[in-house]
Amino acid sequence: MISNTEMIRIRRQMQRRIQDVVAERRRARQQEAHHTDLTGDPTESHLTKDQSLTPTP
């Protein structure tokens, strides 16, 4: 059985990981938009949908 404090710790850890992924994707979109503005050519992402969902250490 998981104690209440352990459950809170796990939940907070998961929330931090989700926030990190959201921030990373936001930065990638901003960089892509900036690159498109400079070149006028949209860039194709080299990652597939499955690869982009892989957590980074």
Protein backbone atom coordinates (compact mmCIF):
# COMPACT_ATOMS: atom_id res chain seq x y z
CA MET A 1 0.00 0.00 0.00
CA ILE A 2 1.31 3.47 -0.88
CA SER A 3 1.26 6.01 1.91
CA ASN A 4 -0.40 9.37 1.46
CA THR A 5 2.93 11.22 1.43
CA GLU A 6 4.33 8.85 -1.18
CA MET A 7 1.24 9.39 -3.35
CA ILE A 8 1.65 13.17 -3.07
CA ARG A 9 5.35 12.89 -3.97
CA ILE A 10 4.58 10.74 -7.02
CA ARG A 11 1.80 13.10 -8.14
CA ARG A 12 4.07 16.14 -7.86
CA GLN A 13 6.83 14.34 -9.75
CA MET A 14 4.39 13.49 -12.55
CA GLN A 15 3.15 17.09 -12.69
CA ARG A 16 6.74 18.37 -12.99
CA ARG A 17 7.45 15.93 -15.81
CA ILE A 18 4.29 16.99 -17.66
CA GLN A 19 5.20 20.67 -17.23
CA ASP A 20 8.71 19.98 -18.55
CA VAL A 21 7.32 18.25 -21.65
CA VAL A 22 4.82 21.07 -22.28
CA ALA A 23 7.58 23.68 -21.93
CA GLU A 24 9.90 21.72 -24.24
CA ARG A 25 7.20 21.42 -26.91
CA ARG A 26 6.37 25.14 -26.56
CA ARG A 27 10.05 26.04 -27.08
CA ALA A 28 10.23 23.77 -30.12
CA ARG A 29 7.13 25.37 -31.65
CA GLN A 30 8.52 28.85 -31.00
CA GLN A 31 11.85 27.97 -32.59
CA GLU A 32 10.07 26.44 -35.58
CA ALA A 33 7.88 29.55 -35.95
CA HIS A 34 10.95 31.79 -35.67
CA HIS A 35 12.76 29.73 -38.32
CA THR A 36 9.71 29.91 -40.61
CA ASP A 37 9.56 33.69 -40.18
CA LEU A 38 13.22 34.01 -41.16
CA THR A 39 13.18 31.68 -44.16
CA GLY A 40 9.56 31.70 -45.26
CA ASP A 41 9.72 27.90 -45.57
CA PRO A 42 7.98 25.75 -42.98
CA THR A 43 10.31 23.11 -41.57
CA GLU A 44 9.31 19.49 -41.35
CA SER A 45 9.75 17.90 -37.97
CA HIS A 46 12.27 15.07 -38.02
CA LEU A 47 10.46 13.33 -35.14
CA THR A 48 7.45 11.13 -35.56
CA LYS A 49 4.53 11.42 -33.18
CA ASP A 50 5.66 8.35 -31.24
CA GLN A 51 9.22 9.64 -30.82
CA SER A 52 8.03 13.03 -29.59
CA LEU A 53 6.13 11.31 -26.77
CA THR A 54 9.23 9.51 -25.51
CA PRO A 55 10.32 11.00 -22.17
CA THR A 56 13.76 12.54 -22.01
CA PRO A 57 16.01 11.79 -19.04
